[in-house]
């Protein structure tokens, strides 16, 4: 993914800022303590606790670098005043069987299927963006099937 094309909601950006502060602060201190404790066990060449702590430190450093790159290059989605679907909108969709599905449209780094947060680049997200309440949209799934949804409600 090209970092210059990352779009975040204001909430998603705030979560990344908080995670970065935690990883650079409390979590980094915890890892340093784990390394100190593992060193006390003696010979480092056969010390699995030391190796695990060093691996944790490397993973933390990699995640810190990733978050910093995202925050440096991401754009926060502008909220629009009109009643069309945009990033940050919570949308109620109705399928042809009349079943309701609530989804929140977010940037690609914020997706979470358990919380019904879908990416603006997903088939459904891409299809509904820019449409208004009452519009019907066709979504072509990765398997090639076409589904039609009606936008019942848009909330911010």
Protein backbone atom coordinates (compact mmCIF):
# COMPACT_ATOMS: atom_id res chain seq x y z
CA UNK A 1 0.00 0.00 0.00
CA UNK A 2 1.29 3.42 -0.91
CA UNK A 3 1.48 5.47 2.29
CA UNK A 4 0.62 8.68 0.42
CA UNK A 5 -2.85 7.26 -0.36
CA UNK A 6 -3.85 6.38 3.21
CA UNK A 7 -7.07 7.99 4.41
CA UNK A 8 -8.03 8.00 8.10
CA UNK A 9 -11.03 9.12 10.04
CA UNK A 10 -10.31 11.58 12.86
CA UNK A 11 -11.07 8.77 15.35
CA UNK A 12 -8.67 6.40 13.58
CA UNK A 13 -5.89 8.99 13.60
CA UNK A 14 -6.40 9.57 17.33
CA UNK A 15 -6.17 5.81 18.02
CA UNK A 16 -2.86 5.68 16.15
CA UNK A 17 -1.51 8.67 18.10
CA UNK A 18 -2.49 6.97 21.37
CA UNK A 19 -0.95 3.63 20.30
CA UNK A 20 2.27 5.40 19.33
CA UNK A 21 2.48 7.14 22.71
CA UNK A 22 1.91 3.82 24.51
CA UNK A 23 4.48 1.95 22.40
CA UNK A 24 7.10 4.69 22.88
CA UNK A 25 6.35 5.04 26.59
CA UNK A 26 4.99 2.34 28.89
CA UNK A 27 5.40 -0.60 26.50
CA UNK A 28 9.00 0.29 25.64
CA UNK A 29 9.82 0.53 29.36
CA UNK A 30 8.19 -2.85 29.96
CA UNK A 31 10.33 -4.43 27.24
CA UNK A 32 13.52 -2.90 28.68
CA UNK A 33 12.62 -4.42 32.05
CA UNK A 34 12.05 -7.80 30.40
CA UNK A 35 15.50 -7.58 28.80
CA UNK A 36 17.14 -6.64 32.12
CA UNK A 37 15.40 -9.54 33.85
CA UNK A 38 16.42 -11.99 31.12
CA UNK A 39 20.06 -10.84 31.29
CA UNK A 40 20.09 -11.73 34.98
CA UNK A 41 19.53 -15.38 34.06
CA UNK A 42 23.11 -15.64 32.82
CA UNK A 43 24.53 -16.95 29.53
CA UNK A 44 22.84 -14.99 26.69
CA UNK A 45 23.75 -17.53 24.00
CA UNK A 46 21.21 -20.05 25.36
CA UNK A 47 18.76 -17.66 26.97
CA UNK A 48 15.33 -17.97 25.31
CA UNK A 49 13.81 -15.26 27.55
CA UNK A 50 16.44 -12.80 26.35
CA UNK A 51 15.84 -13.74 22.71
CA UNK A 52 12.07 -13.35 23.15
CA UNK A 53 12.47 -9.94 24.80
CA UNK A 54 14.79 -8.75 22.02
CA UNK A 55 12.29 -10.00 19.41
CA UNK A 56 9.49 -8.11 21.20
CA UNK A 57 11.67 -4.99 21.17
CA UNK A 58 12.29 -5.33 17.42
CA UNK A 59 8.57 -5.86 16.71
CA UNK A 60 7.71 -2.79 18.79
CA UNK A 61 10.28 -0.68 16.92
CA UNK A 62 8.87 -1.86 13.58
CA UNK A 63 5.31 -0.99 14.61
CA UNK A 64 6.46 2.45 15.85
CA UNK A 65 8.08 3.11 12.47
CA UNK A 66 4.93 1.94 10.67
CA UNK A 67 2.66 4.21 12.75
CA UNK A 68 4.99 7.18 12.26
CA UNK A 69 4.95 6.63 8.49
CA UNK A 70 1.15 6.37 8.45
CA UNK A 71 0.71 9.53 10.52
CA UNK A 72 3.25 11.44 8.42
CA UNK A 73 1.56 10.59 5.12
CA UNK A 74 -2.12 9.95 5.88
CA UNK A 75 -4.89 12.37 5.17
CA UNK A 76 -7.77 12.80 7.60
CA UNK A 77 -11.05 12.45 5.74
CA UNK A 78 -13.02 15.65 5.62
CA UNK A 79 -16.55 15.35 6.89
CA UNK A 80 -19.04 16.71 4.43
CA UNK A 81 -22.22 18.50 5.36
CA UNK A 82 -24.30 16.92 2.63
CA UNK A 83 -26.17 13.66 2.95
CA UNK A 84 -23.93 11.48 0.81
CA UNK A 85 -21.77 8.58 1.94
CA UNK A 86 -18.18 9.55 2.75
CA UNK A 87 -15.41 8.23 4.94
CA UNK A 88 -16.60 8.30 8.54
CA UNK A 89 -20.25 7.69 7.62
CA UNK A 90 -22.26 4.94 9.23
CA UNK A 91 -24.57 3.53 6.58
CA UNK A 92 -27.57 1.23 6.86
CA UNK A 93 -27.83 -0.97 3.78
CA UNK A 94 -30.81 -3.10 2.79
CA UNK A 95 -30.25 -6.21 0.67
CA UNK A 96 -32.91 -7.62 -1.72
CA UNK A 97 -34.18 -9.94 1.06
CA UNK A 98 -34.91 -6.93 3.26
CA UNK A 99 -32.09 -7.65 5.71
CA UNK A 100 -30.40 -4.61 7.24
CA UNK A 101 -26.64 -4.23 7.50
CA UNK A 102 -24.96 -1.32 9.30
CA UNK A 103 -21.41 -0.50 8.20
CA UNK A 104 -19.04 2.34 8.96
CA UNK A 105 -16.87 3.51 6.07
CA UNK A 106 -13.23 3.98 7.13
CA UNK A 107 -9.75 4.17 5.62
CA UNK A 108 -7.89 0.97 4.78
CA UNK A 109 -5.80 0.93 7.97
CA UNK A 110 -8.89 1.11 10.20
CA UNK A 111 -10.92 -1.80 8.86
CA UNK A 112 -12.36 -4.19 11.42
CA UNK A 113 -14.97 -6.72 10.35
CA UNK A 114 -15.99 -7.45 13.94
CA UNK A 115 -17.00 -3.79 14.38
CA UNK A 116 -18.50 -3.60 10.84
CA UNK A 117 -15.88 -1.06 9.73
CA UNK A 118 -15.25 -1.45 6.01
CA UNK A 119 -12.63 0.15 3.83
CA UNK A 120 -13.42 2.80 1.26
CA UNK A 121 -11.47 0.55 -1.14
CA UNK A 122 -13.57 -2.59 -0.48
CA UNK A 123 -16.18 -3.51 -3.11
CA UNK A 124 -19.10 -2.33 -0.93
CA UNK A 125 -17.27 0.76 0.33
CA UNK A 126 -16.22 1.80 -3.16
CA UNK A 127 -19.75 1.28 -4.50
CA UNK A 128 -21.59 3.31 -1.84
CA UNK A 129 -19.24 6.29 -1.53
CA UNK A 130 -20.83 9.45 -2.88
CA UNK A 131 -24.38 8.03 -2.93
CA UNK A 132 -27.30 9.30 -0.87
CA UNK A 133 -30.22 7.84 1.07
CA UNK A 134 -32.61 5.89 -1.12
CA UNK A 135 -29.99 5.17 -3.80
CA UNK A 136 -29.55 1.59 -5.00
CA UNK A 137 -25.99 0.50 -5.70
CA UNK A 138 -24.62 -2.54 -7.47
CA UNK A 139 -21.67 -4.26 -5.86
CA UNK A 140 -19.55 -6.74 -7.77
CA UNK A 141 -17.97 -9.15 -5.28
CA UNK A 142 -14.48 -10.61 -5.76
CA UNK A 143 -16.13 -13.89 -6.83
CA UNK A 144 -17.86 -12.01 -9.67
CA UNK A 145 -21.39 -12.04 -8.23
CA UNK A 146 -23.42 -8.84 -8.39
CA UNK A 147 -25.39 -7.74 -5.34
CA UNK A 148 -27.73 -4.77 -5.10
CA UNK A 149 -28.06 -2.77 -1.90
CA UNK A 150 -30.30 0.17 -1.10
CA UNK A 151 -28.94 2.89 1.19
CA UNK A 152 -31.58 3.27 3.89
CA UNK A 153 -29.81 5.67 6.26
CA UNK A 154 -26.62 7.72 6.50
CA UNK A 155 -25.29 8.98 9.83
CA UNK A 156 -22.10 10.78 10.81
